[in-house]
Structures are given as C-alpha cells and as structure tokens.
Amino acid sequence: METAGVPTRIEHIGIAVKELDSAIGTYEKLLGVRCSAVEEVPDQHVRTAFFRVGESKIELLESTSPDGPIAKFITKRGEGIHHIAYAVGDIRATLHDLASGGVRLIDSEPRKGAEGLSIAFIHPLSACGVLTEITETAPQPHD
C-alpha cells in the first residue's frame, strides 16, 4: 500500500542492550566509529546511544526502569534487535493512511522520541513480527 509517508530511508535500527556504556565500547570497536550522541528519554524509560552508519544510524537502548519496555524485551528475548525505524516526510499523514489501510498501530498519534524526532510505532503483528517505528525526517507544522 502506497502512503503519503513513503519511507525515504532506514532511519535507524534499535538494539536493546543490558548495559549501555559497555555496549557503546563494543559498537565503537565493531563499527570503527565513535558514538555520536547519548540521550535519556524519560517518558520511554530508556537511555540511547547513536552511531551514524552512512545515511542511517544504529541506536542502542538501555532501560532506565526494571518495568520499562526495553527491560521487558530483554527479559523475554535477551539483548538484540528491538526495532527498525523508517524516515517519512509526514508522520501524521502516514499514520492516517496506515490506519485507514487496516494496519495495527501502537501509536495513533506521534510522540517525542530521541533526538527530538516525532515517532510512532506499528504493531509487530502488522509487520511480519517486526516492531516498526516511523520517524518524521523534519519537523512539520501541525494544528
């Protein structure tokens, strides 16, 4: 289904980790690049670290709460890929089009994510088992 928010690129791949500082060191060695930013997103109960890889990024996610979504993910599945994020030009139009097409959304409205991006998640049941995030590539004025 083509939507108003056709992805322009893979924005990032999110990886759940138990201990962010250790994982940063691991990924700096693995990728040969320095971590570009560390940020806490309190309402999502995570600390994040980003690595730029070409036009995309790797996002490491550490839970800041034992009952946060990343802690629950690690308890259930262990460390590893948590989600894939796609950049879109208009997140609200994309959410509308997806919902209209029968896609199950976790977020029907965008929320603030790391790096100040507007984000929303698509339920894994609507994406072949993959937790999918959409991010708005640039802030868009909305009423």
Protein backbone atom coordinates (compact mmCIF):
# COMPACT_ATOMS: atom_id res chain seq x y z
CA MET A 1 0.00 0.00 0.00
CA GLU A 2 1.48 3.33 -1.01
CA THR A 3 1.06 6.07 1.61
CA ALA A 4 1.72 9.77 1.89
CA GLY A 5 4.68 8.81 4.03
CA VAL A 6 6.65 6.54 1.76
CA PRO A 7 9.89 5.84 3.63
CA THR A 8 12.87 7.81 2.38
CA ARG A 9 15.45 5.64 4.16
CA ILE A 10 16.08 3.41 7.12
CA GLU A 11 16.41 5.98 9.90
CA HIS A 12 17.89 3.57 12.42
CA ILE A 13 17.95 0.05 13.78
CA GLY A 14 17.26 -0.14 17.51
CA ILE A 15 19.20 -2.68 19.57
CA ALA A 16 18.24 -3.49 23.16
CA VAL A 17 21.24 -3.78 25.50
CA LYS A 18 21.62 -4.53 29.20
CA GLU A 19 24.40 -2.02 29.87
CA LEU A 20 24.75 1.00 27.60
CA ASP A 21 28.30 2.10 28.46
CA SER A 22 29.72 -1.37 27.79
CA ALA A 23 27.70 -1.70 24.58
CA ILE A 24 28.98 1.69 23.37
CA GLY A 25 32.55 0.42 23.66
CA THR A 26 31.63 -2.78 21.84
CA TYR A 27 29.95 -0.94 18.96
CA GLU A 28 32.73 1.64 18.66
CA LYS A 29 35.15 -1.26 18.08
CA LEU A 30 32.73 -3.16 15.86
CA LEU A 31 31.78 -0.23 13.61
CA GLY A 32 35.02 1.73 13.78
CA VAL A 33 33.11 4.94 14.55
CA ARG A 34 32.55 6.92 17.73
CA CYS A 35 29.20 7.18 19.43
CA SER A 36 27.64 10.42 18.17
CA ALA A 37 25.15 11.06 21.00
CA VAL A 38 23.87 9.67 24.29
CA GLU A 39 20.44 10.76 25.46
CA GLU A 40 17.88 9.80 28.08
CA VAL A 41 14.22 9.73 27.06
CA PRO A 42 12.48 9.68 30.47
CA ASP A 43 8.91 9.05 29.27
CA GLN A 44 10.12 5.94 27.39
CA HIS A 45 12.33 4.77 30.29
CA VAL A 46 15.45 4.49 28.11
CA ARG A 47 18.95 5.81 27.62
CA THR A 48 20.02 5.75 23.99
CA ALA A 49 23.32 5.94 22.15
CA PHE A 50 23.61 6.60 18.42
CA PHE A 51 26.17 5.62 15.80
CA ARG A 52 25.98 7.06 12.29
CA VAL A 53 26.42 4.44 9.59
CA GLY A 54 26.13 6.07 6.17
CA GLU A 55 22.70 7.70 5.95
CA SER A 56 21.33 5.50 8.74
CA LYS A 57 22.08 5.00 12.42
CA ILE A 58 22.38 2.27 14.99
CA GLU A 59 20.51 3.10 18.22
CA LEU A 60 21.48 1.25 21.39
CA LEU A 61 18.72 1.22 24.02
CA GLU A 62 19.20 0.61 27.75
CA SER A 63 16.25 0.52 30.13
CA THR A 64 16.22 3.04 32.97
CA SER A 65 13.40 1.18 34.73
CA PRO A 66 13.02 -2.51 35.60
CA ASP A 67 9.48 -2.42 34.21
CA GLY A 68 10.27 -0.35 31.10
CA PRO A 69 9.65 -1.75 27.61
CA ILE A 70 13.34 -2.42 26.92
CA ALA A 71 13.79 -4.26 30.25
CA LYS A 72 10.72 -6.37 29.44
CA PHE A 73 12.06 -7.08 25.95
CA ILE A 74 15.45 -8.20 27.30
CA THR A 75 13.81 -10.38 29.97
CA LYS A 76 11.68 -12.10 27.31
CA ARG A 77 14.10 -12.25 24.36
CA GLY A 78 17.56 -11.19 25.54
CA GLU A 79 19.70 -8.47 24.03
CA GLY A 80 19.35 -7.88 20.32
CA ILE A 81 17.46 -6.11 17.58
CA HIS A 82 14.42 -4.41 19.07
CA HIS A 83 13.01 -2.43 16.13
CA ILE A 84 13.66 -0.92 12.73
CA ALA A 85 12.80 2.72 12.06
CA TYR A 86 11.93 4.31 8.73
CA ALA A 87 12.06 8.04 7.99
CA VAL A 88 8.93 9.56 6.45
CA GLY A 89 8.16 13.12 5.40
CA ASP A 90 4.80 13.47 7.16
CA ILE A 91 4.23 11.20 10.13
CA ARG A 92 0.62 12.23 10.76
CA ALA A 93 -0.42 11.54 7.16
CA THR A 94 1.46 8.24 7.29
CA LEU A 95 -0.32 7.17 10.48
CA HIS A 96 -3.68 8.13 8.98
CA ASP A 97 -3.01 6.20 5.78
CA LEU A 98 -1.73 3.15 7.64
CA ALA A 99 -4.73 3.07 10.00
CA SER A 100 -7.11 3.56 7.07
CA GLY A 101 -5.46 0.58 5.38
CA GLY A 102 -6.05 -1.65 8.39
CA VAL A 103 -2.52 -1.56 9.81
CA ARG A 104 -2.49 -2.06 13.59
CA LEU A 105 -0.76 0.88 15.26
CA ILE A 106 0.72 1.12 18.73
CA ASP A 107 0.71 4.91 18.48
CA SER A 108 -2.19 6.60 16.68
CA GLU A 109 -0.54 9.99 17.31
CA PRO A 110 3.16 10.87 17.12
CA ARG A 111 5.17 11.31 20.30
CA LYS A 112 8.57 12.75 21.03
CA GLY A 113 11.46 10.35 20.72
CA ALA A 114 15.23 10.57 20.97
CA GLU A 115 16.96 13.34 19.05
CA GLY A 116 13.73 15.37 19.25
CA LEU A 117 12.16 13.38 16.41
CA SER A 118 8.43 12.74 16.17
CA ILE A 119 7.97 8.97 16.31
CA ALA A 120 5.23 6.33 16.26
CA PHE A 121 5.25 2.55 16.37
CA ILE A 122 3.47 -0.02 14.22
CA HIS A 123 2.45 -3.24 15.96
CA PRO A 124 4.62 -6.26 15.06
CA LEU A 125 1.50 -8.22 14.06
CA SER A 126 1.08 -5.82 11.14
CA ALA A 127 4.74 -6.02 10.10
CA CYS A 128 5.58 -9.73 9.87
CA GLY A 129 6.66 -9.86 13.52
CA VAL A 130 8.93 -6.79 13.41
CA LEU A 131 8.34 -3.84 15.74
CA THR A 132 8.43 -0.96 13.28
CA GLU A 133 8.96 2.71 14.08
CA ILE A 134 8.31 5.61 11.77
CA THR A 135 10.05 8.92 12.31
CA GLU A 136 9.46 12.27 10.75
CA THR A 137 12.51 13.40 8.81
CA ALA A 138 11.98 17.08 9.62
CA PRO A 139 9.61 18.90 11.94
CA GLN A 140 6.31 19.57 10.18
CA PRO A 141 3.86 22.25 11.34
CA HIS A 142 0.58 20.72 12.53
CA ASP A 143 -2.51 22.13 14.16
